[in-house]
Amino acid sequence: MAAKFTVFKDKSGQYRFNLKAANGEIIATSESYSEKKSALKGIASIVKSAPVAKIVDDTGEAESPSKTGAKPAASKAKAPVKADAAPKPRGRKPKSE
């Protein structure tokens, strides 16, 4: 079974949705909406945005790869270039005569 969204009314009569994992565990719960249509739009927004959403860690804590079993992500940041550094030549070297 794949993950699924479930829409329901809470105790106050407001609409909410849960995202349930394949094993049935609730992994996310929405805010409350006064209209069912708005809750469905919230689901559509998540479905559209989630594949490209970035993870931002605002905890200020360093993540330990040994705790999660995951390897640390490789940094894609380039080293700063010094203002007086000459660019490296590219391509083949000219043949010497």
N, C-alpha and C. Protein backbone atom coordinates (compact mmCIF):
# COMPACT_ATOMS: atom_id res chain seq x y z
N MET A 1 0.85 -1.18 0.00
CA MET A 1 0.00 0.00 0.00
C MET A 1 0.89 1.24 0.00
N ALA A 2 0.54 2.22 -0.78
CA ALA A 2 1.29 3.47 -0.86
C ALA A 2 0.80 4.45 0.20
N ALA A 3 1.57 5.51 0.39
CA ALA A 3 1.14 6.57 1.31
C ALA A 3 -0.17 7.16 0.80
N LYS A 4 -0.96 7.75 1.73
CA LYS A 4 -2.22 8.33 1.31
C LYS A 4 -2.59 9.50 2.23
N PHE A 5 -3.41 10.39 1.69
CA PHE A 5 -3.98 11.49 2.45
C PHE A 5 -5.39 11.10 2.88
N THR A 6 -5.76 11.42 4.11
CA THR A 6 -7.13 11.20 4.57
C THR A 6 -7.68 12.54 5.05
N VAL A 7 -8.86 12.90 4.59
CA VAL A 7 -9.53 14.14 4.98
C VAL A 7 -10.60 13.79 6.01
N PHE A 8 -10.69 14.61 7.07
CA PHE A 8 -11.66 14.33 8.12
C PHE A 8 -12.07 15.62 8.81
N LYS A 9 -13.13 15.55 9.60
CA LYS A 9 -13.57 16.67 10.42
C LYS A 9 -13.06 16.45 11.84
N ASP A 10 -12.50 17.51 12.43
CA ASP A 10 -12.02 17.40 13.81
C ASP A 10 -13.16 17.65 14.79
N LYS A 11 -12.88 17.67 16.09
CA LYS A 11 -13.91 17.83 17.12
C LYS A 11 -14.66 19.15 17.01
N SER A 12 -13.99 20.17 16.46
CA SER A 12 -14.64 21.48 16.34
C SER A 12 -15.38 21.65 15.01
N GLY A 13 -15.43 20.59 14.20
CA GLY A 13 -16.15 20.66 12.94
C GLY A 13 -15.34 21.22 11.79
N GLN A 14 -14.05 21.43 12.02
CA GLN A 14 -13.16 21.93 10.96
C GLN A 14 -12.58 20.76 10.17
N TYR A 15 -12.20 21.04 8.93
CA TYR A 15 -11.60 20.01 8.08
C TYR A 15 -10.09 19.98 8.28
N ARG A 16 -9.54 18.80 8.31
CA ARG A 16 -8.10 18.57 8.41
C ARG A 16 -7.75 17.39 7.51
N PHE A 17 -6.47 17.21 7.29
CA PHE A 17 -6.04 15.99 6.60
C PHE A 17 -4.78 15.46 7.26
N ASN A 18 -4.63 14.16 7.15
CA ASN A 18 -3.43 13.47 7.60
C ASN A 18 -2.74 12.88 6.38
N LEU A 19 -1.43 12.81 6.45
CA LEU A 19 -0.66 12.04 5.48
C LEU A 19 -0.24 10.79 6.21
N LYS A 20 -0.64 9.65 5.67
CA LYS A 20 -0.31 8.37 6.30
C LYS A 20 0.69 7.61 5.45
N ALA A 21 1.68 7.03 6.12
CA ALA A 21 2.69 6.21 5.45
C ALA A 21 2.05 4.90 5.00
N ALA A 22 2.80 4.16 4.21
CA ALA A 22 2.30 2.88 3.70
C ALA A 22 1.90 1.93 4.82
N ASN A 23 2.54 2.05 6.00
CA ASN A 23 2.21 1.16 7.11
C ASN A 23 1.04 1.68 7.95
N GLY A 24 0.43 2.80 7.55
CA GLY A 24 -0.73 3.34 8.24
C GLY A 24 -0.41 4.38 9.30
N GLU A 25 0.88 4.59 9.59
CA GLU A 25 1.29 5.59 10.58
C GLU A 25 1.04 7.00 10.05
N ILE A 26 0.51 7.87 10.90
CA ILE A 26 0.33 9.27 10.52
C ILE A 26 1.69 9.94 10.58
N ILE A 27 2.11 10.54 9.46
CA ILE A 27 3.42 11.19 9.42
C ILE A 27 3.30 12.71 9.29
N ALA A 28 2.09 13.21 9.03
CA ALA A 28 1.87 14.66 9.00
C ALA A 28 0.38 14.93 9.18
N THR A 29 0.09 16.04 9.86
CA THR A 29 -1.29 16.49 10.06
C THR A 29 -1.37 17.95 9.67
N SER A 30 -2.44 18.32 9.00
CA SER A 30 -2.60 19.70 8.52
C SER A 30 -3.12 20.63 9.59
N GLU A 31 -3.15 21.89 9.24
CA GLU A 31 -3.86 22.88 10.04
C GLU A 31 -5.36 22.65 9.81
N SER A 32 -6.22 23.40 10.47
CA SER A 32 -7.66 23.23 10.26
C SER A 32 -8.14 24.19 9.17
N TYR A 33 -9.14 23.74 8.44
CA TYR A 33 -9.74 24.52 7.35
C TYR A 33 -11.24 24.59 7.59
N SER A 34 -11.84 25.72 7.27
CA SER A 34 -13.29 25.85 7.45
C SER A 34 -14.07 25.17 6.32
N GLU A 35 -13.43 24.98 5.18
CA GLU A 35 -14.09 24.34 4.04
C GLU A 35 -13.29 23.13 3.57
N LYS A 36 -14.00 22.11 3.16
CA LYS A 36 -13.36 20.90 2.65
C LYS A 36 -12.54 21.21 1.41
N LYS A 37 -13.06 22.11 0.58
CA LYS A 37 -12.36 22.50 -0.65
C LYS A 37 -10.97 23.06 -0.33
N SER A 38 -10.85 23.81 0.74
CA SER A 38 -9.57 24.38 1.14
C SER A 38 -8.60 23.29 1.60
N ALA A 39 -9.11 22.31 2.32
CA ALA A 39 -8.27 21.19 2.74
C ALA A 39 -7.74 20.43 1.53
N LEU A 40 -8.60 20.22 0.54
CA LEU A 40 -8.18 19.53 -0.68
C LEU A 40 -7.13 20.34 -1.45
N LYS A 41 -7.26 21.67 -1.42
CA LYS A 41 -6.25 22.52 -2.06
C LYS A 41 -4.92 22.41 -1.31
N GLY A 42 -4.99 22.28 0.01
CA GLY A 42 -3.78 22.08 0.80
C GLY A 42 -3.06 20.81 0.42
N ILE A 43 -3.82 19.75 0.23
CA ILE A 43 -3.24 18.47 -0.21
C ILE A 43 -2.59 18.64 -1.58
N ALA A 44 -3.29 19.28 -2.50
CA ALA A 44 -2.77 19.49 -3.85
C ALA A 44 -1.46 20.28 -3.82
N SER A 45 -1.39 21.25 -2.94
CA SER A 45 -0.18 22.05 -2.81
C SER A 45 1.00 21.21 -2.34
N ILE A 46 0.75 20.34 -1.37
CA ILE A 46 1.82 19.47 -0.88
C ILE A 46 2.28 18.51 -1.96
N VAL A 47 1.33 17.91 -2.66
CA VAL A 47 1.66 16.95 -3.71
C VAL A 47 2.53 17.63 -4.78
N LYS A 48 2.20 18.87 -5.10
CA LYS A 48 2.95 19.60 -6.13
C LYS A 48 4.32 20.04 -5.61
N SER A 49 4.40 20.52 -4.39
CA SER A 49 5.63 21.11 -3.86
C SER A 49 6.61 20.11 -3.27
N ALA A 50 6.14 19.03 -2.71
CA ALA A 50 7.01 18.12 -1.97
C ALA A 50 8.18 17.55 -2.77
N PRO A 51 8.01 17.17 -4.03
CA PRO A 51 9.15 16.58 -4.74
C PRO A 51 10.36 17.51 -4.87
N VAL A 52 10.14 18.81 -4.81
CA VAL A 52 11.25 19.74 -4.98
C VAL A 52 11.55 20.55 -3.72
N ALA A 53 10.82 20.26 -2.64
CA ALA A 53 11.02 21.01 -1.40
C ALA A 53 12.38 20.69 -0.80
N LYS A 54 13.04 21.73 -0.29
CA LYS A 54 14.33 21.57 0.37
C LYS A 54 14.09 21.37 1.86
N ILE A 55 15.03 20.73 2.50
CA ILE A 55 14.98 20.55 3.95
C ILE A 55 15.83 21.63 4.58
N VAL A 56 15.24 22.39 5.48
CA VAL A 56 15.95 23.44 6.19
C VAL A 56 15.99 23.06 7.66
N ASP A 57 17.19 22.92 8.21
CA ASP A 57 17.36 22.55 9.61
C ASP A 57 17.58 23.82 10.42
N ASP A 58 16.56 24.24 11.14
CA ASP A 58 16.63 25.44 11.97
C ASP A 58 16.94 25.11 13.43
N THR A 59 17.36 23.88 13.70
CA THR A 59 17.63 23.49 15.08
C THR A 59 18.97 24.02 15.59
N GLY A 60 19.88 24.29 14.66
CA GLY A 60 21.22 24.71 15.04
C GLY A 60 22.09 23.55 15.49
N GLU A 61 21.59 22.34 15.39
CA GLU A 61 22.33 21.15 15.80
C GLU A 61 22.98 20.50 14.59
N ALA A 62 24.18 19.98 14.78
CA ALA A 62 24.84 19.24 13.71
C ALA A 62 24.23 17.85 13.66
N GLU A 63 24.01 17.35 12.47
CA GLU A 63 23.45 16.01 12.29
C GLU A 63 24.59 15.02 12.27
N SER A 64 24.49 13.99 13.07
CA SER A 64 25.51 12.96 13.13
C SER A 64 25.15 11.84 12.16
N PRO A 65 26.01 11.60 11.13
CA PRO A 65 25.72 10.52 10.18
C PRO A 65 25.61 9.17 10.86
N SER A 66 26.34 8.95 11.96
CA SER A 66 26.29 7.64 12.62
C SER A 66 24.94 7.40 13.28
N LYS A 67 24.23 8.46 13.66
CA LYS A 67 22.92 8.29 14.29
C LYS A 67 21.88 7.85 13.27
N THR A 68 21.94 8.41 12.08
CA THR A 68 20.92 8.13 11.09
C THR A 68 21.32 7.03 10.12
N GLY A 69 22.62 6.72 10.08
CA GLY A 69 23.10 5.74 9.13
C GLY A 69 23.29 6.33 7.75
N ALA A 70 23.00 7.61 7.60
CA ALA A 70 23.13 8.27 6.30
C ALA A 70 24.50 8.89 6.17
N LYS A 71 24.97 8.95 4.94
CA LYS A 71 26.23 9.62 4.68
C LYS A 71 25.97 11.11 4.59
N PRO A 72 26.92 11.95 5.03
CA PRO A 72 26.71 13.38 4.91
C PRO A 72 26.66 13.78 3.44
N ALA A 73 25.83 14.74 3.13
CA ALA A 73 25.69 15.19 1.75
C ALA A 73 26.96 15.89 1.32
N ALA A 74 27.35 15.65 0.08
CA ALA A 74 28.53 16.32 -0.46
C ALA A 74 28.21 17.78 -0.69
N SER A 75 29.14 18.62 -0.35
CA SER A 75 28.94 20.05 -0.52
C SER A 75 29.09 20.42 -1.98
N LYS A 76 28.16 21.18 -2.50
CA LYS A 76 28.23 21.62 -3.88
C LYS A 76 28.79 23.04 -3.97
N ALA A 77 29.12 23.61 -2.83
CA ALA A 77 29.64 24.97 -2.81
C ALA A 77 31.05 24.98 -3.37
N LYS A 78 31.34 25.97 -4.20
CA LYS A 78 32.67 26.12 -4.77
C LYS A 78 33.52 26.94 -3.83
N ALA A 79 34.80 26.64 -3.83
CA ALA A 79 35.72 27.41 -3.00
C ALA A 79 35.80 28.83 -3.53
N PRO A 80 35.94 29.81 -2.65
CA PRO A 80 36.04 31.19 -3.12
C PRO A 80 37.30 31.38 -3.96
N VAL A 81 37.18 32.22 -4.97
CA VAL A 81 38.30 32.50 -5.86
C VAL A 81 38.99 33.76 -5.39
N LYS A 82 40.31 33.70 -5.28
CA LYS A 82 41.07 34.87 -4.87
C LYS A 82 41.08 35.88 -6.01
N ALA A 83 41.02 37.15 -5.67
CA ALA A 83 40.97 38.21 -6.69
C ALA A 83 42.20 38.23 -7.56
N ASP A 84 43.38 37.88 -7.02
CA ASP A 84 44.62 37.95 -7.80
C ASP A 84 44.98 36.61 -8.44
N ALA A 85 44.14 35.62 -8.33
CA ALA A 85 44.43 34.31 -8.89
C ALA A 85 44.18 34.30 -10.39
N ALA A 86 45.12 33.76 -11.13
CA ALA A 86 44.97 33.66 -12.58
C ALA A 86 44.12 32.45 -12.89
N PRO A 87 43.27 32.54 -13.92
CA PRO A 87 42.45 31.38 -14.26
C PRO A 87 43.31 30.25 -14.79
N LYS A 88 42.90 29.02 -14.52
CA LYS A 88 43.63 27.86 -15.01
C LYS A 88 43.34 27.68 -16.49
N PRO A 89 44.37 27.38 -17.29
CA PRO A 89 44.12 27.15 -18.72
C PRO A 89 43.34 25.86 -18.91
N ARG A 90 42.50 25.84 -19.91
CA ARG A 90 41.71 24.64 -20.21
C ARG A 90 42.09 24.10 -21.57
N GLY A 91 41.78 22.86 -21.77
CA GLY A 91 42.02 22.25 -23.08
C GLY A 91 43.44 21.68 -23.17
N ARG A 92 43.85 21.42 -24.41
CA ARG A 92 45.16 20.83 -24.65
C ARG A 92 46.27 21.86 -24.52
N LYS A 93 47.42 21.35 -24.11
CA LYS A 93 48.61 22.21 -24.06
C LYS A 93 49.16 22.32 -25.47
N PRO A 94 49.66 23.51 -25.81
CA PRO A 94 50.26 23.62 -27.17
C PRO A 94 51.50 22.74 -27.27
N LYS A 95 51.70 22.19 -28.47
CA LYS A 95 52.86 21.35 -28.70
C LYS A 95 54.12 22.23 -28.73
N SER A 96 55.16 21.74 -28.08
CA SER A 96 56.40 22.50 -28.12
C SER A 96 57.16 22.18 -29.40
N GLU A 97 57.86 23.17 -29.96
CA GLU A 97 58.54 22.98 -31.25
C GLU A 97 59.95 22.59 -31.08
